């Protein structure tokens, strides 16, 4: 007898179909393509150093050009003539100007100022050895001028310069030293961290 085509199948759980592909772990990332892993392994420390050199060489060349041809390390120089002319026109004290110092003495500042207690001329230099020296000429009373310029500077005896004037050696602030000329109507100072030989050269150039 043929079973009824409309009969329902017997009760029971449906058959499970097993898949041949293994289930992927939800937290596991897919492996990178072989080509990417190979590219990373080929970038050695030597390649990184070469890349840095490619960047640094143009920078070094630009710095060398700036310093060697454009004078990047040279101080900005000024003309002291206007300040000297102002000081002479004021007629506050006899003005002495450095002469014959040469181009290796670079003037970096120069100004003349008149205040209530007197007038002062200042000219600053970078010496041939690359140190600082300043010429100060003033009719401000010495008892006020010297502490202001030299801090707690103390006299160290005569300087014995060949110009025959009574220069005195003084200590100054920090690692500076000074040559001081005390006269009735003016005080002249040559002060800085330059060596004494350069300070003496500046002092004896005054005319």
N, C-alpha and C. Protein backbone atom coordinates (compact mmCIF):
# COMPACT_ATOMS: atom_id res chain seq x y z
N UNK A 1 0.84 -1.20 0.00
CA UNK A 1 0.00 0.00 0.00
C UNK A 1 0.87 1.25 0.00
N UNK A 2 0.60 2.25 -0.88
CA UNK A 2 1.44 3.47 -1.02
C UNK A 2 1.10 4.46 0.07
N UNK A 3 2.09 4.98 0.75
CA UNK A 3 1.79 5.94 1.82
C UNK A 3 1.11 7.16 1.27
N UNK A 4 0.34 7.82 2.12
CA UNK A 4 -0.43 9.02 1.74
C UNK A 4 0.52 10.17 1.50
N UNK A 5 0.39 10.83 0.36
CA UNK A 5 1.29 11.94 0.04
C UNK A 5 1.12 13.11 0.95
N UNK A 6 -0.09 13.27 1.56
CA UNK A 6 -0.28 14.43 2.44
C UNK A 6 0.03 14.16 3.87
N UNK A 7 0.54 12.99 4.20
CA UNK A 7 0.82 12.67 5.61
C UNK A 7 2.01 13.46 6.08
N UNK A 8 1.99 13.88 7.34
CA UNK A 8 3.09 14.64 7.96
C UNK A 8 4.15 13.70 8.42
N UNK A 9 5.41 14.14 8.38
CA UNK A 9 6.51 13.27 8.86
C UNK A 9 6.41 13.10 10.35
N UNK A 10 6.98 12.02 10.84
CA UNK A 10 6.92 11.76 12.30
C UNK A 10 7.65 12.86 13.07
N UNK A 11 7.12 13.11 14.28
CA UNK A 11 7.75 14.14 15.14
C UNK A 11 9.17 13.76 15.47
N UNK A 12 10.00 14.79 15.66
CA UNK A 12 11.42 14.57 16.04
C UNK A 12 12.27 15.74 15.60
N UNK A 13 13.48 15.91 16.19
CA UNK A 13 14.34 17.06 15.84
C UNK A 13 14.82 16.96 14.42
N UNK A 14 14.96 18.13 13.76
CA UNK A 14 15.46 18.11 12.38
C UNK A 14 16.90 17.66 12.31
N UNK A 15 17.25 17.08 11.23
CA UNK A 15 18.63 16.59 11.08
C UNK A 15 19.60 17.76 10.92
N UNK A 16 20.76 17.70 11.60
CA UNK A 16 21.80 18.74 11.54
C UNK A 16 22.75 18.42 10.41
N UNK A 17 23.02 19.46 9.61
CA UNK A 17 23.96 19.29 8.50
C UNK A 17 25.31 19.85 8.93
N UNK A 18 26.34 19.06 9.02
CA UNK A 18 27.67 19.49 9.44
C UNK A 18 28.39 20.15 8.28
N UNK A 19 29.04 21.27 8.58
CA UNK A 19 29.81 21.99 7.55
C UNK A 19 31.24 21.54 7.59
N UNK A 20 31.82 21.39 6.47
CA UNK A 20 33.22 20.98 6.41
C UNK A 20 34.18 22.12 6.74
N UNK A 21 33.74 23.42 6.63
CA UNK A 21 34.61 24.57 6.93
C UNK A 21 34.60 24.85 8.42
N UNK A 22 35.76 25.06 9.07
CA UNK A 22 35.78 25.34 10.52
C UNK A 22 35.25 26.73 10.79
N UNK A 23 34.55 26.88 11.92
CA UNK A 23 33.98 28.18 12.30
C UNK A 23 35.10 29.15 12.66
N UNK A 24 34.96 30.39 12.16
CA UNK A 24 35.99 31.41 12.44
C UNK A 24 35.80 31.98 13.83
N UNK A 25 36.89 32.17 14.55
CA UNK A 25 36.82 32.76 15.88
C UNK A 25 36.47 34.24 15.74
N UNK A 26 35.46 34.67 16.50
CA UNK A 26 34.99 36.05 16.37
C UNK A 26 36.07 37.05 16.75
N UNK A 27 36.96 36.70 17.69
CA UNK A 27 38.00 37.64 18.12
C UNK A 27 39.29 37.53 17.36
N UNK A 28 39.39 36.67 16.44
CA UNK A 28 40.64 36.44 15.71
C UNK A 28 40.66 37.29 14.45
N UNK A 29 41.77 38.05 14.24
CA UNK A 29 41.91 38.87 13.05
C UNK A 29 42.46 38.04 11.90
N UNK A 30 42.05 38.39 10.73
CA UNK A 30 42.58 37.64 9.58
C UNK A 30 44.06 37.92 9.40
N UNK A 31 44.78 36.93 8.98
CA UNK A 31 46.22 37.05 8.77
C UNK A 31 46.49 38.04 7.66
N UNK A 32 47.54 38.90 7.81
CA UNK A 32 47.85 39.86 6.76
C UNK A 32 48.33 39.17 5.50
N UNK A 33 48.15 39.82 4.40
CA UNK A 33 48.63 39.23 3.15
C UNK A 33 50.13 39.01 3.21
N UNK A 34 50.63 37.97 2.60
CA UNK A 34 52.07 37.67 2.64
C UNK A 34 52.92 38.82 2.12
N UNK A 35 52.44 39.58 1.13
CA UNK A 35 53.24 40.66 0.56
C UNK A 35 53.50 41.77 1.54
N UNK A 36 52.49 42.13 2.40
CA UNK A 36 52.66 43.21 3.38
C UNK A 36 53.66 42.81 4.44
N UNK A 37 53.58 41.58 4.93
CA UNK A 37 54.52 41.12 5.95
C UNK A 37 55.93 41.13 5.42
N UNK A 38 56.10 40.79 4.16
CA UNK A 38 57.42 40.77 3.56
C UNK A 38 57.99 42.18 3.44
N UNK A 39 57.10 43.16 3.09
CA UNK A 39 57.57 44.54 2.95
C UNK A 39 58.05 45.09 4.28
N UNK A 40 57.35 44.74 5.39
CA UNK A 40 57.78 45.21 6.70
C UNK A 40 59.11 44.60 7.09
N UNK A 41 59.31 43.35 6.82
CA UNK A 41 60.55 42.68 7.22
C UNK A 41 61.75 43.20 6.43
N UNK A 42 61.50 43.70 5.20
CA UNK A 42 62.60 44.18 4.39
C UNK A 42 63.10 45.55 4.84
N UNK A 43 62.37 46.35 5.68
CA UNK A 43 62.78 47.68 6.14
C UNK A 43 63.70 47.52 7.35
N UNK A 44 64.97 47.41 7.09
CA UNK A 44 65.96 47.15 8.13
C UNK A 44 66.41 48.45 8.79
N UNK A 45 67.12 48.36 9.94
CA UNK A 45 67.67 49.58 10.56
C UNK A 45 68.59 50.37 9.63
N UNK A 46 69.29 49.66 8.73
CA UNK A 46 70.15 50.35 7.78
C UNK A 46 69.34 51.24 6.86
N UNK A 47 68.18 50.75 6.42
CA UNK A 47 67.33 51.56 5.56
C UNK A 47 66.83 52.81 6.28
N UNK A 48 66.52 52.67 7.58
CA UNK A 48 66.04 53.82 8.34
C UNK A 48 67.14 54.87 8.48
N UNK A 49 68.37 54.41 8.72
CA UNK A 49 69.50 55.35 8.84
C UNK A 49 69.72 56.08 7.53
N UNK A 50 69.65 55.36 6.42
CA UNK A 50 69.82 56.00 5.12
C UNK A 50 68.73 57.03 4.85
N UNK A 51 67.51 56.73 5.29
CA UNK A 51 66.42 57.69 5.10
C UNK A 51 66.66 58.96 5.89
N UNK A 52 67.18 58.81 7.13
CA UNK A 52 67.48 59.99 7.94
C UNK A 52 68.60 60.81 7.32
N UNK A 53 69.60 60.12 6.77
CA UNK A 53 70.70 60.85 6.14
C UNK A 53 70.22 61.66 4.94
N UNK A 54 69.29 61.09 4.19
CA UNK A 54 68.76 61.81 3.04
C UNK A 54 68.07 63.10 3.48
N UNK A 55 67.45 63.08 4.66
CA UNK A 55 66.80 64.29 5.18
C UNK A 55 67.79 65.27 5.77
N UNK A 56 68.83 64.76 6.44
CA UNK A 56 69.75 65.63 7.18
C UNK A 56 70.78 66.32 6.28
N UNK A 57 71.19 65.67 5.21
CA UNK A 57 72.24 66.24 4.36
C UNK A 57 71.81 67.60 3.78
N UNK A 58 70.61 67.75 3.21
CA UNK A 58 70.23 69.09 2.71
C UNK A 58 70.17 70.14 3.81
N UNK A 59 69.72 69.74 5.02
CA UNK A 59 69.67 70.70 6.13
C UNK A 59 71.08 71.17 6.48
N UNK A 60 72.02 70.23 6.54
CA UNK A 60 73.40 70.60 6.87
C UNK A 60 73.99 71.52 5.80
N UNK A 61 73.68 71.27 4.55
CA UNK A 61 74.18 72.13 3.48
C UNK A 61 73.61 73.54 3.57
N UNK A 62 72.32 73.65 3.94
CA UNK A 62 71.72 74.97 4.09
C UNK A 62 72.35 75.74 5.24
N UNK A 63 72.61 75.05 6.36
CA UNK A 63 73.25 75.71 7.50
C UNK A 63 74.66 76.18 7.14
N UNK A 64 75.41 75.33 6.43
CA UNK A 64 76.77 75.72 6.02
C UNK A 64 76.74 76.91 5.09
N UNK A 65 75.80 76.94 4.17
CA UNK A 65 75.68 78.09 3.26
C UNK A 65 75.32 79.36 4.01
N UNK A 66 74.41 79.25 4.98
CA UNK A 66 73.98 80.42 5.76
C UNK A 66 75.14 80.99 6.56
N UNK A 67 75.94 80.10 7.17
CA UNK A 67 77.05 80.59 7.98
C UNK A 67 78.23 81.04 7.14
N UNK A 68 78.54 80.27 6.10
CA UNK A 68 79.75 80.57 5.34
C UNK A 68 79.61 81.71 4.36
N UNK A 69 78.45 81.82 3.69
CA UNK A 69 78.29 82.81 2.64
C UNK A 69 77.42 83.99 3.06
N UNK A 70 76.47 83.75 3.95
CA UNK A 70 75.59 84.84 4.37
C UNK A 70 75.98 85.43 5.72
N UNK A 71 77.02 84.90 6.36
CA UNK A 71 77.48 85.45 7.63
C UNK A 71 76.47 85.27 8.74
N UNK A 72 75.88 84.08 8.85
CA UNK A 72 74.82 83.86 9.84
C UNK A 72 75.28 84.00 11.27
N UNK A 73 76.55 83.70 11.55
CA UNK A 73 77.05 83.79 12.92
C UNK A 73 77.70 85.15 13.22
N UNK A 74 77.80 86.02 12.25
CA UNK A 74 78.46 87.30 12.45
C UNK A 74 77.52 88.27 13.17
N UNK A 75 78.04 89.04 14.13
CA UNK A 75 77.18 90.02 14.80
C UNK A 75 76.82 91.16 13.87
N UNK A 76 75.69 91.77 14.13
CA UNK A 76 75.25 92.92 13.34
C UNK A 76 76.06 94.14 13.78
N UNK A 77 76.73 94.80 12.85
CA UNK A 77 77.58 95.93 13.18
C UNK A 77 76.85 97.24 12.92
N UNK A 78 77.29 98.27 13.62
CA UNK A 78 76.70 99.61 13.49
C UNK A 78 77.83 100.62 13.28
N UNK A 79 77.44 101.78 12.82
CA UNK A 79 78.39 102.89 12.63
C UNK A 79 78.39 103.75 13.90
N UNK A 80 79.52 103.87 14.59
CA UNK A 80 79.55 104.67 15.82
C UNK A 80 79.60 106.17 15.58
N UNK A 81 79.77 106.60 14.33
CA UNK A 81 79.96 108.03 14.03
C UNK A 81 78.82 108.91 14.53
N UNK A 82 77.53 108.53 14.33
CA UNK A 82 76.46 109.41 14.83
C UNK A 82 76.50 109.61 16.34
N UNK A 83 76.77 108.56 17.09
CA UNK A 83 76.84 108.70 18.55
C UNK A 83 78.01 109.57 18.96
N UNK A 84 79.15 109.42 18.30
CA UNK A 84 80.30 110.27 18.60
C UNK A 84 80.00 111.73 18.28
N UNK A 85 79.31 111.96 17.19
CA UNK A 85 78.98 113.33 16.81
C UNK A 85 78.01 113.96 17.81
N UNK A 86 77.05 113.19 18.28
CA UNK A 86 76.12 113.70 19.30
C UNK A 86 76.87 114.07 20.58
N UNK A 87 77.80 113.21 20.99
CA UNK A 87 78.56 113.48 22.21
C UNK A 87 79.40 114.75 22.07
N UNK A 88 80.02 114.94 20.92
CA UNK A 88 80.84 116.13 20.72
C UNK A 88 79.97 117.39 20.65
N UNK A 89 78.79 117.26 20.03
CA UNK A 89 77.91 118.42 19.93
C UNK A 89 77.38 118.83 21.29
N UNK A 90 77.18 117.88 22.19
CA UNK A 90 76.68 118.19 23.53
C UNK A 90 77.72 118.94 24.35
N UNK A 91 79.00 118.75 24.04
CA UNK A 91 80.09 119.45 24.72
C UNK A 91 80.03 119.28 26.23
N UNK A 92 79.65 118.04 26.65
CA UNK A 92 79.57 117.77 28.08
C UNK A 92 80.91 117.37 28.67
N UNK A 93 81.78 116.79 27.85
CA UNK A 93 83.11 116.36 28.29
C UNK A 93 83.95 116.14 27.04
N UNK A 94 85.27 116.10 27.18
CA UNK A 94 86.12 115.80 26.02
C UNK A 94 85.85 114.37 25.53
N UNK A 95 85.56 114.24 24.25
CA UNK A 95 85.21 112.94 23.68
C UNK A 95 86.42 112.37 22.96
N UNK A 96 86.81 111.15 23.32
CA UNK A 96 87.89 110.43 22.65
C UNK A 96 87.29 109.31 21.82
N UNK A 97 87.80 109.12 20.60
CA UNK A 97 87.30 108.09 19.70
C UNK A 97 88.39 107.07 19.42
N UNK A 98 88.04 105.78 19.38
CA UNK A 98 89.03 104.76 19.02
C UNK A 98 89.48 104.94 17.57
N UNK A 99 90.77 104.80 17.34
CA UNK A 99 91.32 104.92 15.98
C UNK A 99 92.28 103.77 15.73
N UNK A 100 92.28 103.29 14.48
CA UNK A 100 93.24 102.28 14.07
C UNK A 100 93.01 100.90 14.63
N UNK A 101 91.78 100.56 15.03
CA UNK A 101 91.54 99.23 15.59
C UNK A 101 91.54 98.14 14.53
N UNK A 102 91.13 98.46 13.34
CA UNK A 102 91.08 97.44 12.29
C UNK A 102 89.69 96.84 12.14
N UNK A 103 89.48 96.18 11.01
CA UNK A 103 88.17 95.63 10.70
C UNK A 103 87.78 94.45 11.58
N UNK A 104 88.75 93.83 12.25
CA UNK A 104 88.41 92.68 13.10
C UNK A 104 87.84 93.14 14.44
N UNK A 105 87.80 94.43 14.70
CA UNK A 105 87.06 94.99 15.84
C UNK A 105 85.71 95.44 15.31
N UNK A 106 84.64 94.73 15.69
CA UNK A 106 83.31 95.02 15.13
C UNK A 106 82.48 95.79 16.15
N UNK A 107 81.99 96.94 15.74
CA UNK A 107 81.15 97.78 16.60
C UNK A 107 79.72 97.26 16.55
N UNK A 108 79.20 96.87 17.72
CA UNK A 108 77.86 96.26 17.76
C UNK A 108 76.81 97.18 18.38
N UNK A 109 77.22 98.21 19.07
CA UNK A 109 76.26 99.21 19.56
C UNK A 109 77.00 100.51 19.85
N UNK A 110 76.28 101.61 19.73
CA UNK A 110 76.86 102.93 20.01
C UNK A 110 75.72 103.89 20.30
N UNK A 111 75.78 104.56 21.45
CA UNK A 111 74.72 105.51 21.79
C UNK A 111 75.26 106.57 22.76
N UNK A 112 74.66 107.72 22.69
CA UNK A 112 74.96 108.82 23.59
C UNK A 112 73.67 109.22 24.29
N UNK A 113 73.74 109.37 25.61
CA UNK A 113 72.53 109.68 26.38
C UNK A 113 72.85 110.74 27.42
N UNK A 114 71.95 111.70 27.54
CA UNK A 114 72.06 112.74 28.56
C UNK A 114 70.96 112.55 29.59
N UNK A 115 71.36 112.53 30.86
CA UNK A 115 70.41 112.36 31.96
C UNK A 115 70.64 113.47 32.99
N UNK A 116 69.87 113.41 34.07
CA UNK A 116 69.93 114.49 35.06
C UNK A 116 71.31 114.61 35.71
N UNK A 117 71.97 113.45 35.92
CA UNK A 117 73.25 113.49 36.63
C UNK A 117 74.45 113.53 35.70
N UNK A 118 74.23 113.61 34.39
CA UNK A 118 75.35 113.71 33.47
C UNK A 118 75.07 113.04 32.14
N UNK A 119 76.06 113.06 31.27
CA UNK A 119 75.94 112.47 29.93
C UNK A 119 76.92 111.30 29.81
N UNK A 120 76.53 110.31 28.99
CA UNK A 120 77.34 109.11 28.85
C UNK A 120 77.36 108.65 27.41
N UNK A 121 78.55 108.35 26.93
CA UNK A 121 78.75 107.75 25.61
C UNK A 121 79.16 106.30 25.79
N UNK A 122 78.48 105.39 25.07
CA UNK A 122 78.80 103.96 25.14
C UNK A 122 79.01 103.42 23.74
N UNK A 123 80.10 102.68 23.57
CA UNK A 123 80.37 102.01 22.30
C UNK A 123 80.78 100.57 22.64
N UNK A 124 80.04 99.61 22.10
CA UNK A 124 80.33 98.20 22.37
C UNK A 124 80.99 97.52 21.19
N UNK A 125 81.89 96.60 21.47
CA UNK A 125 82.66 95.91 20.44
C UNK A 125 82.64 94.39 20.66
N UNK A 126 82.78 93.68 19.54
CA UNK A 126 83.21 92.29 19.56
C UNK A 126 84.67 92.29 19.12
N UNK A 127 85.53 91.78 19.97
CA UNK A 127 86.97 91.86 19.74
C UNK A 127 87.41 90.83 18.68
N UNK A 128 88.65 90.92 18.21
CA UNK A 128 89.14 89.92 17.25
C UNK A 128 89.05 88.49 17.77
N UNK A 129 89.11 88.30 19.07
CA UNK A 129 88.98 86.96 19.64
C UNK A 129 87.54 86.56 19.89
N UNK A 130 86.59 87.41 19.49
CA UNK A 130 85.19 87.07 19.64
C UNK A 130 84.62 87.35 21.01
N UNK A 131 85.29 88.18 21.79
CA UNK A 131 84.80 88.52 23.13
C UNK A 131 84.21 89.92 23.14
N UNK A 132 83.63 90.31 24.28
CA UNK A 132 82.98 91.61 24.38
C UNK A 132 83.83 92.64 25.09
N UNK A 133 83.77 93.87 24.59
CA UNK A 133 84.45 95.00 25.23
C UNK A 133 83.59 96.23 25.01
N UNK A 134 83.55 97.10 26.02
CA UNK A 134 82.74 98.31 25.93
C UNK A 134 83.54 99.52 26.37
N UNK A 135 83.42 100.58 25.58
CA UNK A 135 84.01 101.86 25.93
C UNK A 135 82.92 102.75 26.52
N UNK A 136 83.18 103.29 27.71
CA UNK A 136 82.24 104.19 28.38
C UNK A 136 82.97 105.48 28.69
N UNK A 137 82.42 106.60 28.23
CA UNK A 137 82.94 107.93 28.56
C UNK A 137 81.79 108.73 29.15
N UNK A 138 82.03 109.35 30.32
CA UNK A 138 80.92 110.00 31.01
C UNK A 138 81.42 111.08 31.94
N UNK A 139 80.54 112.08 32.19
CA UNK A 139 80.81 113.06 33.24
C UNK A 139 79.91 112.84 34.45
N UNK A 140 79.24 111.68 34.50
CA UNK A 140 78.53 111.29 35.73
C UNK A 140 79.57 111.14 36.84
N UNK A 141 79.30 111.62 38.05
CA UNK A 141 80.28 111.49 39.13
C UNK A 141 80.78 110.06 39.27
N UNK A 142 82.09 109.92 39.43
CA UNK A 142 82.69 108.60 39.46
C UNK A 142 82.14 107.73 40.58
N UNK A 143 81.81 108.34 41.73
CA UNK A 143 81.30 107.55 42.85
C UNK A 143 79.94 106.93 42.53
N UNK A 144 79.26 107.46 41.53
CA UNK A 144 78.00 106.87 41.08
C UNK A 144 78.19 106.01 39.84
N UNK A 145 79.06 106.45 38.94
CA UNK A 145 79.26 105.73 37.69
C UNK A 145 79.92 104.36 37.90
N UNK A 146 80.98 104.31 38.71
CA UNK A 146 81.73 103.07 38.85
C UNK A 146 80.89 101.94 39.46
N UNK A 147 80.14 102.16 40.54
CA UNK A 147 79.30 101.07 41.04
C UNK A 147 78.26 100.61 40.02
N UNK A 148 77.72 101.55 39.24
CA UNK A 148 76.71 101.18 38.25
C UNK A 148 77.31 100.34 37.13
N UNK A 149 78.55 100.64 36.72
CA UNK A 149 79.16 99.95 35.60
C UNK A 149 79.92 98.70 36.01
N UNK A 150 80.52 98.72 37.20
CA UNK A 150 81.40 97.63 37.60
C UNK A 150 80.85 96.80 38.75
N UNK A 151 79.65 97.11 39.21
CA UNK A 151 79.06 96.42 40.36
C UNK A 151 79.97 96.65 41.57
N UNK A 152 80.54 95.60 42.16
CA UNK A 152 81.41 95.76 43.33
C UNK A 152 82.88 95.76 42.93
N UNK A 153 83.18 96.34 41.75
CA UNK A 153 84.55 96.36 41.26
C UNK A 153 85.49 97.08 42.20
N UNK A 154 86.69 96.55 42.30
CA UNK A 154 87.71 97.10 43.19
C UNK A 154 88.99 97.40 42.40
N UNK A 155 89.69 98.49 42.76
CA UNK A 155 90.94 98.81 42.07
C UNK A 155 92.01 97.76 42.33
N UNK A 156 92.80 97.48 41.30
CA UNK A 156 93.85 96.46 41.38
C UNK A 156 95.23 97.02 41.10
N UNK A 157 95.34 98.35 41.04
CA UNK A 157 96.64 98.94 40.78
C UNK A 157 96.71 99.56 39.39
N UNK A 158 97.81 100.26 39.11
CA UNK A 158 97.96 100.95 37.83
C UNK A 158 98.08 99.98 36.67
N UNK A 159 97.60 100.42 35.50
CA UNK A 159 97.65 99.58 34.31
C UNK A 159 98.93 99.80 33.51
N UNK A 160 99.60 100.94 33.71
CA UNK A 160 100.86 101.24 33.02
C UNK A 160 100.72 101.12 31.50
N UNK A 161 99.80 101.88 30.94
CA UNK A 161 99.63 101.89 29.49
C UNK A 161 100.63 102.85 28.86
N UNK A 162 101.00 102.61 27.60
CA UNK A 162 102.03 103.45 26.98
C UNK A 162 101.56 104.85 26.61
N UNK A 163 100.29 105.18 26.81
CA UNK A 163 99.83 106.53 26.47
C UNK A 163 100.18 107.56 27.54
N UNK A 164 100.75 107.12 28.66
CA UNK A 164 101.17 108.02 29.71
C UNK A 164 100.05 108.49 30.63
N UNK A 165 98.81 108.03 30.43
CA UNK A 165 97.70 108.42 31.29
C UNK A 165 97.59 107.47 32.49
N UNK A 166 96.90 107.95 33.51
CA UNK A 166 96.85 107.20 34.78
C UNK A 166 95.68 106.21 34.80
N UNK A 167 95.76 105.18 33.95
CA UNK A 167 94.75 104.13 33.94
C UNK A 167 94.92 103.22 35.14
N UNK A 168 93.81 102.77 35.68
CA UNK A 168 93.81 101.83 36.80
C UNK A 168 93.09 100.54 36.39
N UNK A 169 93.61 99.42 36.85
CA UNK A 169 92.95 98.13 36.63
C UNK A 169 91.90 97.92 37.72
N UNK A 170 90.71 97.45 37.30
CA UNK A 170 89.60 97.20 38.22
C UNK A 170 89.02 95.81 37.96
N UNK A 171 88.52 95.21 39.01
CA UNK A 171 87.66 94.05 38.81
C UNK A 171 86.27 94.54 38.40
N UNK A 172 85.47 93.64 37.86
CA UNK A 172 84.12 94.00 37.43
C UNK A 172 83.19 92.83 37.71
N UNK A 173 81.96 92.94 37.25
CA UNK A 173 80.97 91.90 37.52
C UNK A 173 81.31 90.62 36.76
N UNK A 174 81.01 89.49 37.38
CA UNK A 174 81.22 88.21 36.72
C UNK A 174 82.67 87.97 36.38
N UNK A 175 82.92 87.56 35.13
CA UNK A 175 84.28 87.31 34.67
C UNK A 175 84.86 88.48 33.90
N UNK A 176 84.30 89.67 34.11
CA UNK A 176 84.78 90.84 33.40
C UNK A 176 85.89 91.54 34.18
N UNK A 177 86.63 92.37 33.48
CA UNK A 177 87.65 93.23 34.09
C UNK A 177 87.59 94.57 33.39
N UNK A 178 88.24 95.55 33.99
CA UNK A 178 88.09 96.91 33.47
C UNK A 178 89.38 97.70 33.61
N UNK A 179 89.53 98.67 32.72
CA UNK A 179 90.55 99.71 32.82
C UNK A 179 89.81 101.02 33.01
N UNK A 180 90.23 101.80 34.00
CA UNK A 180 89.48 103.01 34.38
C UNK A 180 90.45 104.19 34.38
N UNK A 181 89.99 105.27 33.72
CA UNK A 181 90.74 106.52 33.71
C UNK A 181 89.90 107.59 34.40
N UNK A 182 90.37 108.06 35.57
CA UNK A 182 89.64 109.07 36.34
C UNK A 182 90.26 110.43 36.09
N UNK A 183 89.47 111.35 35.54
CA UNK A 183 89.91 112.71 35.28
C UNK A 183 88.92 113.68 35.91
N UNK A 184 89.31 114.94 36.09
CA UNK A 184 88.42 115.89 36.78
C UNK A 184 87.07 116.08 36.11
N UNK A 185 87.04 116.09 34.77
CA UNK A 185 85.79 116.40 34.09
C UNK A 185 85.19 115.21 33.32
N UNK A 186 85.79 114.04 33.46
CA UNK A 186 85.22 112.84 32.82
C UNK A 186 85.83 111.59 33.42
N UNK A 187 85.14 110.48 33.24
CA UNK A 187 85.64 109.15 33.58
C UNK A 187 85.54 108.28 32.34
N UNK A 188 86.60 107.54 32.05
CA UNK A 188 86.64 106.65 30.89
C UNK A 188 86.83 105.23 31.40
N UNK A 189 85.98 104.33 30.91
CA UNK A 189 86.09 102.92 31.26
C UNK A 189 86.20 102.09 29.99
N UNK A 190 87.06 101.08 30.05
CA UNK A 190 87.11 100.03 29.03
C UNK A 190 86.88 98.73 29.79
N UNK A 191 85.75 98.10 29.56
CA UNK A 191 85.33 96.98 30.40
C UNK A 191 84.77 95.87 29.53
N UNK A 192 84.93 94.64 29.97
CA UNK A 192 84.37 93.51 29.24
C UNK A 192 84.99 92.20 29.66
N UNK A 193 84.55 91.11 28.99
CA UNK A 193 85.12 89.80 29.29
C UNK A 193 86.28 89.47 28.35
N UNK A 194 86.72 90.45 27.55
CA UNK A 194 87.89 90.26 26.70
C UNK A 194 89.14 90.15 27.57
N UNK A 195 90.18 89.57 26.96
CA UNK A 195 91.44 89.49 27.69
C UNK A 195 92.02 90.88 27.91
N UNK A 196 92.88 91.00 28.94
CA UNK A 196 93.42 92.32 29.28
C UNK A 196 94.19 92.93 28.11
N UNK A 197 94.85 92.08 27.31
CA UNK A 197 95.61 92.62 26.18
C UNK A 197 94.69 93.33 25.19
N UNK A 198 93.49 92.80 24.99
CA UNK A 198 92.56 93.46 24.08
C UNK A 198 91.96 94.71 24.70
N UNK A 199 91.71 94.69 25.99
CA UNK A 199 91.22 95.89 26.66
C UNK A 199 92.28 96.99 26.60
N UNK A 200 93.53 96.62 26.78
CA UNK A 200 94.60 97.61 26.69
C UNK A 200 94.71 98.16 25.26
N UNK A 201 94.51 97.31 24.28
CA UNK A 201 94.55 97.76 22.89
C UNK A 201 93.45 98.80 22.63
N UNK A 202 92.25 98.55 23.15
CA UNK A 202 91.17 99.51 22.97
C UNK A 202 91.45 100.82 23.69
N UNK A 203 91.98 100.74 24.91
CA UNK A 203 92.24 101.94 25.70
C UNK A 203 93.30 102.82 25.02
N UNK A 204 94.34 102.20 24.50
CA UNK A 204 95.41 102.99 23.89
C UNK A 204 95.07 103.49 22.49
N UNK A 205 93.95 103.06 21.95
CA UNK A 205 93.52 103.55 20.63
C UNK A 205 92.76 104.87 20.70
N UNK A 206 92.43 105.32 21.91
CA UNK A 206 91.59 106.52 22.08
C UNK A 206 92.40 107.76 21.72
N UNK A 207 91.79 108.60 20.91
CA UNK A 207 92.42 109.86 20.51
C UNK A 207 91.41 111.00 20.63
